[in-house]
N, C-alpha and C. Protein backbone atom coordinates (compact mmCIF):
# COMPACT_ATOMS: atom_id res chain seq x y z
N UNK A 1 0.61 -1.08 0.35
CA UNK A 1 -0.01 -0.04 -0.17
C UNK A 1 0.97 0.96 0.08
N UNK A 2 0.54 2.29 -0.84
CA UNK A 2 1.18 3.14 -1.05
C UNK A 2 0.74 4.48 -0.36
N UNK A 3 1.60 4.73 0.50
CA UNK A 3 1.41 5.59 1.57
C UNK A 3 1.91 7.04 1.86
N UNK A 4 2.71 7.27 0.65
CA UNK A 4 3.53 8.70 -0.02
C UNK A 4 2.50 9.61 0.11
N UNK A 5 3.12 10.85 0.63
CA UNK A 5 2.27 12.39 0.70
C UNK A 5 2.15 12.52 -0.99
N UNK A 6 1.03 13.39 -1.63
CA UNK A 6 0.63 13.87 -2.78
C UNK A 6 1.73 14.72 -3.18
N UNK A 7 2.44 15.32 -2.23
CA UNK A 7 3.88 16.18 -2.43
C UNK A 7 4.73 15.28 -3.22
N UNK A 8 4.85 14.02 -2.98
CA UNK A 8 5.89 13.34 -3.74
C UNK A 8 5.42 13.13 -5.33
N UNK A 9 4.22 13.18 -5.61
CA UNK A 9 3.98 13.51 -7.38
C UNK A 9 4.75 14.42 -8.02
N UNK A 10 5.11 13.83 -9.54
CA UNK A 10 5.50 15.23 -9.98
C UNK A 10 4.75 16.35 -10.44
N UNK A 11 4.67 17.15 -10.79
CA UNK A 11 4.47 18.33 -11.74
C UNK A 11 3.70 18.21 -12.69
N UNK A 12 2.56 18.42 -13.06
CA UNK A 12 1.87 18.07 -14.48
C UNK A 12 2.82 19.26 -15.49
N UNK A 13 2.60 19.98 -15.00
CA UNK A 13 3.42 21.18 -16.33
C UNK A 13 4.78 20.79 -16.44
N UNK A 14 5.60 20.10 -15.45
CA UNK A 14 7.20 19.57 -15.74
C UNK A 14 7.08 18.39 -16.56
N UNK A 15 5.64 17.32 -16.89
CA UNK A 15 5.97 16.39 -17.34
C UNK A 15 5.88 16.48 -19.00
N UNK A 16 7.28 15.85 -19.81
CA UNK A 16 7.24 16.18 -21.24
C UNK A 16 6.16 15.78 -22.07
N UNK A 17 5.60 16.37 -23.24
CA UNK A 17 4.63 16.20 -23.85
C UNK A 17 5.15 15.84 -25.56
N UNK A 18 4.67 15.11 -25.57
CA UNK A 18 5.31 14.69 -27.30
C UNK A 18 4.69 15.45 -28.38
N UNK A 19 5.24 15.76 -29.71
CA UNK A 19 4.99 16.78 -30.49
C UNK A 19 3.72 16.68 -30.72
N UNK A 20 3.36 15.03 -31.19
CA UNK A 20 1.71 14.87 -31.66
C UNK A 20 0.98 15.50 -30.97
N UNK A 21 0.43 14.89 -29.73
CA UNK A 21 -0.28 15.50 -28.26
C UNK A 21 -0.16 17.09 -28.51
N UNK A 22 0.98 17.97 -28.61
CA UNK A 22 0.83 19.24 -28.80
C UNK A 22 0.11 19.80 -30.27
N UNK A 23 0.26 18.86 -31.34
CA UNK A 23 -0.19 19.39 -32.65
C UNK A 23 -2.07 19.00 -32.03
N UNK A 24 -2.49 17.87 -31.81
CA UNK A 24 -3.53 17.43 -31.88
C UNK A 24 -4.07 18.54 -30.59
N UNK A 25 -3.82 18.88 -29.81
CA UNK A 25 -4.41 19.86 -29.04
C UNK A 25 -4.43 21.51 -29.61
N UNK A 26 -3.28 21.54 -30.47
CA UNK A 26 -3.06 22.96 -30.75
C UNK A 26 -4.64 23.02 -31.97
N UNK A 27 -5.18 21.74 -32.60
CA UNK A 27 -5.69 21.64 -33.38
C UNK A 27 -7.44 21.77 -32.92
N UNK A 28 -7.73 21.61 -31.87
CA UNK A 28 -8.78 21.33 -30.72
C UNK A 28 -8.77 22.85 -30.72
N UNK A 29 -7.92 23.51 -29.99
CA UNK A 29 -8.11 24.83 -29.67
C UNK A 29 -8.69 25.59 -30.57
N UNK A 30 -8.15 25.32 -31.95
CA UNK A 30 -8.44 26.01 -33.05
C UNK A 30 -9.91 25.66 -33.67
N UNK A 31 -10.02 24.90 -33.35
CA UNK A 31 -11.48 24.47 -33.94
C UNK A 31 -12.20 24.98 -32.95
N UNK A 32 -12.10 24.99 -31.57
CA UNK A 32 -12.88 25.76 -30.35
C UNK A 32 -13.12 27.09 -30.65
N UNK A 33 -12.07 27.82 -31.08
CA UNK A 33 -11.91 29.19 -31.05
C UNK A 33 -12.80 29.43 -32.71
N UNK A 34 -12.87 28.70 -33.56
CA UNK A 34 -13.50 29.04 -34.80
C UNK A 34 -15.13 28.51 -34.85
N UNK A 35 -15.61 27.50 -33.46
CA UNK A 35 -16.99 27.53 -33.05
C UNK A 35 -17.49 28.87 -32.25
N UNK A 36 -16.58 29.45 -31.33
CA UNK A 36 -16.80 30.46 -30.80
C UNK A 36 -17.43 31.84 -31.29
N UNK A 37 -16.27 32.08 -32.67
CA UNK A 37 -16.71 32.76 -33.52
C UNK A 37 -17.96 32.85 -34.19
N UNK A 38 -18.24 31.77 -34.53
CA UNK A 38 -19.36 31.52 -35.65
C UNK A 38 -20.72 31.66 -34.51
N UNK A 39 -20.80 31.03 -33.28
CA UNK A 39 -21.89 31.79 -32.48
C UNK A 39 -21.58 32.91 -32.39
N UNK A 40 -20.71 33.71 -32.25
CA UNK A 40 -20.91 35.27 -31.78
C UNK A 40 -21.58 35.82 -32.89
N UNK A 41 -21.28 35.32 -34.16
CA UNK A 41 -21.54 35.85 -35.51
C UNK A 41 -23.19 35.52 -35.79
N UNK A 42 -23.80 34.43 -35.21
CA UNK A 42 -25.07 33.71 -35.39
C UNK A 42 -25.98 34.85 -34.10
N UNK A 43 -25.47 35.22 -32.60
CA UNK A 43 -25.87 35.69 -31.97
C UNK A 43 -26.04 37.33 -32.36
N UNK A 44 -25.27 38.09 -33.22
CA UNK A 44 -25.05 39.40 -33.87
C UNK A 44 -26.28 39.19 -34.58
N UNK A 45 -26.50 38.38 -35.70
CA UNK A 45 -27.62 38.38 -36.52
C UNK A 45 -28.71 38.49 -35.82
N UNK A 46 -28.89 37.26 -34.70
CA UNK A 46 -30.30 37.37 -34.19
C UNK A 46 -30.79 38.89 -33.62
N UNK A 47 -29.70 39.36 -32.76
CA UNK A 47 -30.07 40.51 -32.26
C UNK A 47 -30.30 41.55 -33.61
N UNK A 48 -30.00 41.82 -34.54
CA UNK A 48 -30.50 42.64 -35.56
C UNK A 48 -31.40 42.29 -36.24
N UNK A 49 -31.71 40.98 -35.96
CA UNK A 49 -33.33 40.73 -36.51
C UNK A 49 -34.35 40.96 -35.29
N UNK A 50 -33.78 40.91 -34.14
CA UNK A 50 -34.76 41.65 -32.99
C UNK A 50 -35.01 43.34 -33.19
N UNK A 51 -33.89 43.79 -33.63
CA UNK A 51 -33.72 44.74 -33.41
C UNK A 51 -34.75 45.74 -34.42
N UNK A 52 -34.52 45.21 -35.72
CA UNK A 52 -35.47 45.58 -37.28
C UNK A 52 -35.90 44.25 -37.87
N UNK A 53 -37.06 43.57 -37.52
CA UNK A 53 -37.45 42.42 -37.92
C UNK A 53 -38.45 42.80 -39.57
N UNK A 54 -38.28 41.71 -40.38
CA UNK A 54 -38.52 41.72 -41.73
C UNK A 54 -40.28 42.30 -41.85
N UNK A 55 -40.06 43.16 -42.85
CA UNK A 55 -41.69 43.49 -43.18
C UNK A 55 -42.59 42.10 -43.58
N UNK A 56 -43.69 41.87 -42.86
CA UNK A 56 -44.68 41.15 -43.19
C UNK A 56 -44.94 40.65 -44.40
N UNK A 57 -45.20 39.62 -44.97
CA UNK A 57 -45.47 39.31 -46.61
C UNK A 57 -46.86 39.92 -46.90
N UNK A 58 -46.95 40.61 -48.03
CA UNK A 58 -48.30 40.97 -48.29
C UNK A 58 -49.01 40.30 -49.02
N UNK A 59 -50.32 40.44 -48.56
CA UNK A 59 -51.50 39.67 -48.63
C UNK A 59 -52.01 38.98 -50.01
N UNK A 60 -52.29 38.10 -50.54
CA UNK A 60 -52.87 38.24 -52.08
C UNK A 60 -53.80 38.95 -52.09
N UNK A 61 -53.51 39.73 -53.45
CA UNK A 61 -55.43 40.37 -54.09
C UNK A 61 -56.32 39.33 -54.12
N UNK A 62 -57.47 39.64 -53.44
CA UNK A 62 -58.76 38.94 -54.06
C UNK A 62 -59.06 39.02 -55.24
N UNK A 63 -59.88 37.95 -55.88
CA UNK A 63 -60.17 37.93 -57.17
C UNK A 63 -61.32 38.64 -57.30
N UNK A 64 -61.23 39.34 -58.48
CA UNK A 64 -62.52 40.02 -58.56
C UNK A 64 -63.84 39.26 -58.97
N UNK A 65 -64.93 39.46 -58.33
CA UNK A 65 -66.18 38.50 -58.64
C UNK A 65 -66.60 38.53 -60.01
N UNK A 66 -67.22 37.48 -60.71
CA UNK A 66 -67.37 37.41 -61.97
C UNK A 66 -68.39 38.81 -62.25
N UNK A 67 -69.42 38.73 -61.36
CA UNK A 67 -70.43 39.67 -61.81
C UNK A 67 -69.97 41.03 -62.23
N UNK A 68 -69.02 42.07 -61.23
CA UNK A 68 -68.70 42.54 -61.45
C UNK A 68 -67.77 42.70 -62.55
N UNK A 69 -66.90 41.89 -62.82
CA UNK A 69 -66.11 42.16 -63.88
C UNK A 69 -66.80 41.95 -65.47
N UNK A 70 -67.95 41.29 -65.38
CA UNK A 70 -68.64 41.67 -66.30
C UNK A 70 -69.21 42.74 -66.56
N UNK A 71 -70.14 43.53 -65.53
CA UNK A 71 -70.69 44.47 -65.69
C UNK A 71 -69.55 45.82 -66.13
N UNK A 72 -68.18 45.75 -65.51
CA UNK A 72 -67.24 46.49 -65.91
C UNK A 72 -66.93 46.58 -67.48
N UNK A 73 -66.81 45.10 -68.18
CA UNK A 73 -66.43 44.94 -69.31
C UNK A 73 -67.50 45.83 -70.02
N UNK A 74 -69.34 45.36 -69.46
CA UNK A 74 -70.32 45.72 -70.69
C UNK A 74 -70.34 47.48 -70.24
N UNK A 75 -70.00 48.37 -69.01
CA UNK A 75 -69.56 49.66 -69.16
C UNK A 75 -68.48 49.94 -70.29
N UNK A 76 -67.59 49.63 -70.51
CA UNK A 76 -66.46 49.62 -71.24
C UNK A 76 -66.73 49.85 -72.86
N UNK A 77 -67.68 48.61 -73.33
CA UNK A 77 -68.36 48.40 -74.50
C UNK A 77 -69.39 49.36 -74.67
N UNK A 78 -69.73 50.01 -73.85
CA UNK A 78 -71.17 50.99 -74.20
C UNK A 78 -70.19 52.32 -74.74
N UNK A 79 -69.04 52.41 -73.64
CA UNK A 79 -68.51 53.71 -73.98
C UNK A 79 -68.11 53.74 -75.46
N UNK A 80 -67.36 52.59 -75.86
CA UNK A 80 -66.67 52.49 -76.77
C UNK A 80 -67.97 52.42 -77.98
N UNK A 81 -68.75 51.84 -78.00
CA UNK A 81 -69.81 51.84 -79.19
C UNK A 81 -70.31 53.63 -79.20
N UNK A 82 -70.20 54.31 -78.19
CA UNK A 82 -71.04 55.81 -78.11
C UNK A 82 -70.06 56.50 -78.79
N UNK A 83 -68.37 56.50 -78.66
CA UNK A 83 -67.98 57.36 -78.98
C UNK A 83 -67.41 56.86 -80.79
N UNK A 84 -67.84 58.09 -81.39
CA UNK A 84 -67.82 57.62 -82.96
C UNK A 84 -66.25 57.40 -83.33
N UNK A 85 -66.10 56.78 -84.56
CA UNK A 85 -64.80 56.56 -85.04
C UNK A 85 -64.02 57.85 -85.71
N UNK A 86 -63.06 57.94 -85.37
CA UNK A 86 -62.09 59.29 -85.87
C UNK A 86 -62.27 59.19 -87.65
N UNK A 87 -62.22 60.28 -88.02
CA UNK A 87 -62.55 60.58 -89.69
C UNK A 87 -60.87 59.93 -90.28
N UNK A 88 -61.35 59.06 -91.17
CA UNK A 88 -59.91 58.72 -92.07
C UNK A 88 -59.52 59.66 -92.94
N UNK A 89 -58.44 59.79 -93.06
CA UNK A 89 -57.80 60.81 -94.00
C UNK A 89 -56.65 60.25 -94.93
N UNK A 90 -56.72 60.54 -96.24
CA UNK A 90 -55.81 59.96 -97.14
C UNK A 90 -54.85 60.59 -97.12
N UNK A 91 -53.33 60.56 -97.29
CA UNK A 91 -52.28 60.96 -97.35
C UNK A 91 -51.98 61.68 -99.03
N UNK A 92 -52.62 61.05 -99.86
CA UNK A 92 -52.47 61.38 -101.05
C UNK A 92 -53.89 60.43 -101.76
N UNK A 93 -54.29 60.93 -103.28
CA UNK A 93 -55.48 60.71 -103.78
C UNK A 93 -55.02 59.04 -104.66
N UNK A 94 -55.86 58.26 -104.47
CA UNK A 94 -55.97 57.11 -104.93
C UNK A 94 -55.97 57.32 -106.40
N UNK A 95 -55.14 56.48 -107.00
CA UNK A 95 -55.12 56.31 -108.71
C UNK A 95 -56.38 55.56 -108.94
N UNK A 96 -56.44 56.04 -110.05
CA UNK A 96 -57.74 55.98 -110.95
C UNK A 96 -57.72 54.31 -111.39
N UNK A 97 -58.64 53.54 -110.78
CA UNK A 97 -58.71 51.92 -111.37
C UNK A 97 -58.55 52.24 -112.76
N UNK A 98 -57.83 50.96 -113.39
CA UNK A 98 -57.85 50.55 -114.65
C UNK A 98 -59.17 50.03 -115.43
N UNK A 99 -59.12 50.01 -116.43
CA UNK A 99 -60.09 49.95 -117.27
C UNK A 99 -60.84 48.21 -117.14
N UNK A 100 -61.88 47.95 -117.26
CA UNK A 100 -62.33 46.52 -116.88
C UNK A 100 -62.01 46.02 -117.91
N UNK A 101 -61.36 46.38 -119.10
CA UNK A 101 -61.03 44.99 -120.20
C UNK A 101 -59.43 44.38 -119.37
N UNK A 102 -58.87 45.44 -118.81
CA UNK A 102 -57.33 45.07 -118.12
C UNK A 102 -57.47 43.92 -117.15
N UNK A 103 -58.40 43.65 -116.46
CA UNK A 103 -58.68 42.37 -115.82
C UNK A 103 -58.67 41.13 -116.80
N UNK A 104 -59.14 41.42 -117.66
CA UNK A 104 -59.12 40.05 -118.68
C UNK A 104 -58.09 39.79 -119.43
N UNK A 105 -57.29 41.16 -119.68
CA UNK A 105 -55.91 40.72 -120.40
C UNK A 105 -54.82 39.70 -119.59
N UNK A 106 -54.83 38.68 -119.82
CA UNK A 106 -53.92 37.53 -119.30
C UNK A 106 -53.80 36.45 -120.26
N UNK A 107 -52.33 35.75 -119.64
CA UNK A 107 -52.32 34.82 -120.65
C UNK A 107 -52.45 33.48 -120.19
N UNK A 108 -53.47 32.65 -120.50
CA UNK A 108 -54.36 31.55 -119.79
C UNK A 108 -53.31 30.38 -119.75
N UNK A 109 -53.12 30.13 -121.06
CA UNK A 109 -51.98 28.44 -120.88
C UNK A 109 -51.49 28.89 -122.43
N UNK A 110 -50.00 28.58 -122.05
CA UNK A 110 -49.03 28.24 -123.26
C UNK A 110 -48.58 26.88 -123.37
N UNK A 111 -48.32 26.49 -124.81
CA UNK A 111 -48.41 24.97 -124.99
C UNK A 111 -47.46 24.62 -126.31
N UNK A 112 -46.99 23.55 -126.39
CA UNK A 112 -46.28 23.27 -127.54
C UNK A 112 -47.27 22.44 -128.10
N UNK A 113 -47.09 21.92 -129.83
CA UNK A 113 -48.28 21.04 -129.89
C UNK A 113 -47.77 19.39 -129.97
N UNK A 114 -46.54 19.60 -129.34
CA UNK A 114 -45.74 17.77 -129.30
C UNK A 114 -44.39 18.62 -127.94
N UNK A 115 -44.26 17.30 -127.39
CA UNK A 115 -43.37 17.72 -126.26
C UNK A 115 -42.14 16.63 -126.29
N UNK A 116 -42.10 16.34 -127.47
CA UNK A 116 -40.99 15.30 -127.90
C UNK A 116 -41.36 15.20 -129.51
N UNK A 117 -40.09 15.54 -130.22
CA UNK A 117 -39.94 15.89 -131.44
C UNK A 117 -38.47 15.54 -131.92
N UNK A 118 -38.20 15.24 -132.81
CA UNK A 118 -37.38 15.23 -133.80
C UNK A 118 -36.67 16.49 -134.44
N UNK A 119 -35.40 16.73 -134.76
CA UNK A 119 -35.18 18.45 -135.20
C UNK A 119 -35.89 18.47 -136.32
N UNK A 120 -36.09 17.64 -137.24
CA UNK A 120 -36.72 17.82 -138.60
C UNK A 120 -38.04 17.82 -138.57
N UNK A 121 -38.66 18.07 -137.81
CA UNK A 121 -40.17 18.00 -137.38
C UNK A 121 -40.57 19.19 -136.89
N UNK A 122 -41.71 19.87 -137.54
CA UNK A 122 -42.06 21.29 -137.09
C UNK A 122 -42.87 21.36 -136.00
N UNK A 123 -43.10 22.07 -135.27
CA UNK A 123 -43.99 22.09 -134.32
C UNK A 123 -44.62 23.72 -133.74
N UNK A 124 -45.91 23.48 -133.41
CA UNK A 124 -46.55 24.87 -133.07
C UNK A 124 -46.48 25.44 -131.98
N UNK A 125 -46.36 26.17 -131.91
CA UNK A 125 -46.40 27.31 -130.43
C UNK A 125 -47.68 27.77 -130.28
N UNK A 126 -48.25 27.59 -129.06
CA UNK A 126 -49.55 28.56 -128.77
C UNK A 126 -49.79 29.05 -127.28
N UNK A 127 -50.33 30.35 -127.45
CA UNK A 127 -50.90 30.52 -125.87
C UNK A 127 -52.44 31.05 -126.20
N UNK A 128 -53.23 30.86 -125.22
CA UNK A 128 -54.58 31.02 -125.04
C UNK A 128 -54.64 32.14 -124.26
N UNK A 129 -54.95 33.36 -124.72
CA UNK A 129 -55.19 34.46 -124.39
C UNK A 129 -56.84 34.83 -123.81
N UNK A 130 -56.87 35.55 -122.69
CA UNK A 130 -58.18 35.37 -121.99
C UNK A 130 -59.13 36.69 -122.74
N UNK A 131 -59.18 36.35 -123.87
CA UNK A 131 -60.23 36.68 -124.82
C UNK A 131 -60.06 38.18 -125.18
N UNK A 132 -58.83 38.80 -124.97
CA UNK A 132 -58.75 39.76 -125.44
C UNK A 132 -57.98 39.80 -126.67
N UNK A 133 -58.36 41.05 -127.62
CA UNK A 133 -57.79 41.15 -128.99
C UNK A 133 -57.71 42.79 -129.12
N UNK A 134 -57.12 42.83 -130.06
CA UNK A 134 -56.64 44.31 -130.54
C UNK A 134 -55.40 44.39 -130.86
N UNK A 135 -54.36 43.41 -131.37
CA UNK A 135 -53.27 43.54 -132.38
C UNK A 135 -52.22 43.68 -131.15
N UNK A 136 -52.29 43.65 -129.84
CA UNK A 136 -50.74 43.65 -129.32
C UNK A 136 -49.85 42.20 -129.44
N UNK A 137 -48.84 42.71 -129.46
CA UNK A 137 -47.28 41.80 -129.67
C UNK A 137 -47.46 40.75 -128.86
N UNK A 138 -47.25 39.46 -129.07
CA UNK A 138 -47.09 37.87 -128.42
C UNK A 138 -45.67 37.86 -128.52
N UNK A 139 -45.11 37.73 -127.76
CA UNK A 139 -43.56 37.18 -128.22
C UNK A 139 -43.28 35.79 -127.46
N UNK A 140 -42.72 34.95 -128.03
CA UNK A 140 -42.57 33.54 -127.99
C UNK A 140 -40.96 33.73 -127.78
N UNK A 141 -40.81 33.10 -126.86
CA UNK A 141 -39.09 33.26 -126.36
C UNK A 141 -38.42 31.83 -125.83
N UNK A 142 -38.09 31.03 -126.66
CA UNK A 142 -37.42 29.79 -127.17
C UNK A 142 -36.00 29.91 -126.37
N UNK A 143 -35.85 28.88 -124.94
CA UNK A 143 -34.31 28.97 -124.86
C UNK A 143 -33.79 27.61 -124.12
N UNK A 144 -32.73 27.28 -124.64
CA UNK A 144 -31.99 25.90 -124.39
C UNK A 144 -31.70 25.65 -122.71
N UNK A 145 -32.12 24.90 -121.97
CA UNK A 145 -32.00 25.11 -120.48
C UNK A 145 -30.39 24.78 -120.54
N UNK A 146 -29.44 24.28 -121.44
CA UNK A 146 -28.28 24.08 -120.97
C UNK A 146 -27.55 25.66 -120.97
N UNK A 147 -28.42 26.19 -121.59
CA UNK A 147 -27.55 27.65 -122.30
C UNK A 147 -28.85 28.74 -122.02
N UNK A 148 -29.09 29.05 -120.53
CA UNK A 148 -30.43 29.90 -120.58
C UNK A 148 -30.39 31.07 -121.04
N UNK A 149 -29.01 31.85 -121.16
CA UNK A 149 -28.82 33.29 -121.03
C UNK A 149 -29.06 33.80 -122.73
N UNK A 150 -28.94 32.98 -123.50
CA UNK A 150 -28.95 33.37 -125.04
C UNK A 150 -30.38 32.95 -125.36
N UNK A 151 -31.15 33.28 -125.83
CA UNK A 151 -32.13 32.29 -126.54
C UNK A 151 -32.11 31.66 -128.12
N UNK A 152 -32.64 30.47 -127.74
CA UNK A 152 -32.74 29.78 -129.35
C UNK A 152 -33.22 30.41 -130.44
N UNK A 153 -34.55 30.99 -130.03
CA UNK A 153 -35.41 31.60 -130.97
C UNK A 153 -36.28 32.50 -130.16
N UNK A 154 -36.75 33.26 -131.22
CA UNK A 154 -37.65 34.67 -130.71
C UNK A 154 -38.70 34.70 -131.69
N UNK A 155 -40.03 34.79 -131.29
CA UNK A 155 -40.91 34.61 -132.51
C UNK A 155 -41.93 35.61 -131.63
N UNK A 156 -42.57 36.31 -133.00
CA UNK A 156 -43.57 37.57 -132.21
C UNK A 156 -44.91 37.34 -133.44
N UNK A 157 -45.86 37.31 -132.75
CA UNK A 157 -46.90 37.33 -133.29
C UNK A 157 -48.08 38.19 -132.77
N UNK A 158 -49.39 38.39 -133.15
CA UNK A 158 -50.50 39.02 -132.91
C UNK A 158 -51.55 38.81 -132.07
N UNK A 159 -52.42 39.46 -131.01
CA UNK A 159 -53.13 38.72 -130.52
C UNK A 159 -54.38 39.32 -130.96
N UNK A 160 -55.04 38.80 -132.23
CA UNK A 160 -55.93 39.64 -132.53
C UNK A 160 -56.84 38.23 -133.42
N UNK A 161 -56.58 36.98 -132.64
CA UNK A 161 -57.51 35.61 -133.48
C UNK A 161 -58.75 35.84 -132.48
N UNK A 162 -59.68 35.87 -133.16
CA UNK A 162 -61.26 35.55 -132.45
C UNK A 162 -61.42 34.45 -131.54
N UNK A 163 -60.90 33.53 -131.67
CA UNK A 163 -60.88 32.40 -130.50
C UNK A 163 -59.97 32.54 -129.63
N UNK A 164 -59.17 33.51 -129.53
CA UNK A 164 -57.99 33.75 -128.19
C UNK A 164 -57.01 33.14 -128.33
N UNK A 165 -56.98 32.16 -129.66
CA UNK A 165 -55.36 31.53 -129.32
C UNK A 165 -54.47 32.12 -130.27
N UNK A 166 -53.29 32.19 -130.14
CA UNK A 166 -52.18 33.00 -131.14
C UNK A 166 -51.36 31.77 -131.00
N UNK A 167 -51.09 31.23 -132.48
CA UNK A 167 -50.33 30.09 -132.98
C UNK A 167 -49.12 30.43 -133.96
N UNK A 168 -48.10 29.69 -133.55
CA UNK A 168 -46.74 30.32 -134.80
C UNK A 168 -46.38 28.81 -134.67
N UNK A 169 -45.90 28.60 -135.99
CA UNK A 169 -45.30 27.19 -136.22
C UNK A 169 -43.55 27.41 -136.18
N UNK A 170 -42.89 26.61 -136.03
CA UNK A 170 -41.72 26.86 -135.73
C UNK A 170 -41.01 25.71 -136.05
N UNK A 171 -39.33 25.21 -136.56
CA UNK A 171 -39.02 24.22 -136.78
C UNK A 171 -37.95 24.08 -135.65
N UNK A 172 -37.44 23.62 -134.65
CA UNK A 172 -36.22 23.57 -133.54
C UNK A 172 -35.08 23.15 -134.14
N UNK A 173 -33.93 23.92 -134.15
CA UNK A 173 -32.78 23.23 -134.55
C UNK A 173 -32.26 22.15 -133.62
N UNK A 174 -31.39 21.44 -134.47
CA UNK A 174 -30.86 19.86 -133.70
C UNK A 174 -30.17 20.42 -132.63
N UNK A 175 -29.70 19.25 -131.94
CA UNK A 175 -28.88 19.46 -130.71
C UNK A 175 -27.59 19.66 -131.46
N UNK A 176 -26.45 20.08 -130.55
CA UNK A 176 -25.61 19.94 -130.85
C UNK A 176 -24.54 18.97 -130.83
N UNK A 177 -23.63 19.20 -131.86
CA UNK A 177 -22.98 17.73 -131.62
C UNK A 177 -22.57 16.62 -131.05
N UNK A 178 -22.23 17.24 -129.61
CA UNK A 178 -21.71 16.47 -128.85
C UNK A 178 -22.72 16.03 -127.97
N UNK A 179 -24.30 16.50 -128.37
CA UNK A 179 -25.39 16.16 -127.47
C UNK A 179 -26.36 15.61 -128.43
N UNK A 180 -27.07 14.66 -127.50
CA UNK A 180 -28.04 13.60 -128.59
C UNK A 180 -29.44 14.33 -128.31
N UNK A 181 -29.82 15.12 -127.47
CA UNK A 181 -30.96 15.46 -127.02
C UNK A 181 -30.73 17.17 -126.58
N UNK A 182 -31.64 18.26 -127.10
CA UNK A 182 -31.65 19.44 -126.36
C UNK A 182 -33.04 19.64 -125.69
N UNK A 183 -33.17 20.31 -124.57
CA UNK A 183 -34.68 20.73 -123.74
C UNK A 183 -34.82 21.98 -123.84
N UNK A 184 -35.73 22.25 -124.10
CA UNK A 184 -36.16 23.73 -124.65
C UNK A 184 -37.22 24.39 -123.85
N UNK A 185 -37.55 25.50 -123.14
CA UNK A 185 -38.26 26.27 -122.41
C UNK A 185 -39.09 27.10 -123.19
N UNK A 186 -40.25 27.93 -123.34
CA UNK A 186 -40.83 28.57 -123.85
C UNK A 186 -41.43 29.48 -122.48
N UNK A 187 -41.24 30.91 -122.90
CA UNK A 187 -41.92 31.79 -122.40
C UNK A 187 -42.43 32.69 -123.11
N UNK A 188 -43.75 33.12 -123.01
CA UNK A 188 -44.99 33.67 -123.84
C UNK A 188 -45.23 35.22 -123.02
N UNK A 189 -44.86 36.21 -123.62
CA UNK A 189 -45.10 37.55 -122.88
C UNK A 189 -45.97 38.29 -123.74
N UNK A 190 -46.66 39.27 -123.04
CA UNK A 190 -47.72 40.22 -124.09
C UNK A 190 -47.97 41.21 -122.90
N UNK A 191 -47.07 42.70 -123.34
CA UNK A 191 -47.16 43.71 -122.24
C UNK A 191 -46.22 43.14 -121.06
N UNK A 192 -46.83 43.16 -119.83
CA UNK A 192 -46.39 42.86 -118.78
C UNK A 192 -47.09 41.56 -118.33
N UNK A 193 -47.50 40.81 -119.47
CA UNK A 193 -48.05 39.41 -118.85
C UNK A 193 -47.72 38.24 -119.47
N UNK A 194 -47.26 37.44 -118.95
CA UNK A 194 -46.37 35.97 -119.22
C UNK A 194 -47.01 34.83 -118.95
N UNK A 195 -46.67 33.70 -119.72
CA UNK A 195 -46.87 32.40 -119.53
C UNK A 195 -45.99 31.40 -119.98
N UNK A 196 -45.65 30.59 -119.20
CA UNK A 196 -44.68 29.47 -119.84
C UNK A 196 -45.52 27.92 -120.20
N UNK A 197 -44.86 27.32 -120.79
CA UNK A 197 -44.76 25.90 -121.52
C UNK A 197 -44.09 24.98 -120.80
N UNK A 198 -44.45 23.51 -120.53
CA UNK A 198 -43.54 22.63 -120.49
C UNK A 198 -42.64 22.52 -121.21
N UNK A 199 -41.57 21.94 -120.90
CA UNK A 199 -40.22 21.49 -121.36
C UNK A 199 -40.31 20.86 -123.00
N UNK A 200 -39.93 21.41 -123.95
CA UNK A 200 -39.98 20.15 -125.05
C UNK A 200 -38.50 19.53 -125.36
N UNK A 201 -38.99 18.10 -125.84
CA UNK A 201 -37.97 17.32 -125.61
C UNK A 201 -37.55 17.56 -127.54
N UNK A 202 -36.14 17.68 -127.84
CA UNK A 202 -35.79 17.51 -128.98
C UNK A 202 -34.88 17.00 -129.29
N UNK A 203 -35.02 15.59 -130.03
CA UNK A 203 -34.15 14.51 -130.19
C UNK A 203 -33.11 15.08 -131.74
N UNK A 204 -31.73 14.44 -131.54
CA UNK A 204 -31.21 14.70 -132.69
C UNK A 204 -31.43 13.92 -134.08
N UNK A 205 -31.55 14.14 -135.04
CA UNK A 205 -31.97 13.00 -136.79
C UNK A 205 -30.66 12.04 -136.38
N UNK A 206 -31.30 10.73 -136.58
CA UNK A 206 -30.20 9.60 -136.78
C UNK A 206 -30.06 9.71 -138.64
N UNK A 207 -29.04 9.30 -138.83
CA UNK A 207 -28.14 9.20 -140.06
C UNK A 207 -28.48 7.56 -140.41
N UNK A 208 -28.62 6.89 -139.64
CA UNK A 208 -28.95 5.45 -140.20
C UNK A 208 -29.75 5.52 -141.13
């Protein structure tokens, strides 16, 4: 049995401490200090909120009764109906309408007498006018699709047929030496009106 007095025990401050223990103690003290700082921040925020509380949320607007809304709309409609519309003013006078016959001056349909011919066969070009006559010039412009810039031919006739048809006979040229076929388009114009026909296929004449 140990009956030695307490004064014989070593002083804790004089007991050596390992570096690892010192490191852990320093880390624990740092965490405690950080926690105390956060608690102080929260206490400051709570004090500020108690001194200046946020405004109360606004109440939602009540919906307008259906009957009151219908009455308000009816009053607005009555005011609108009682107000005369403003007078219309024109910035410039309107141009006079063209003569009634101009509405009938149209090219209705352009066509070839055949859509597949040989170069030694003649073909008839025709266009149906919308009943107008009077000697106006009708121009048939034929173009090769391979060279649409330069027309192959341009034929002119007059819109004076009693039945409204304008017809022109024509013999298409043979395809170039390096081609067995050529495809021709036709555009018919009369003043500012125009019509187009389907594509005409012209085959080279066989020498066999």
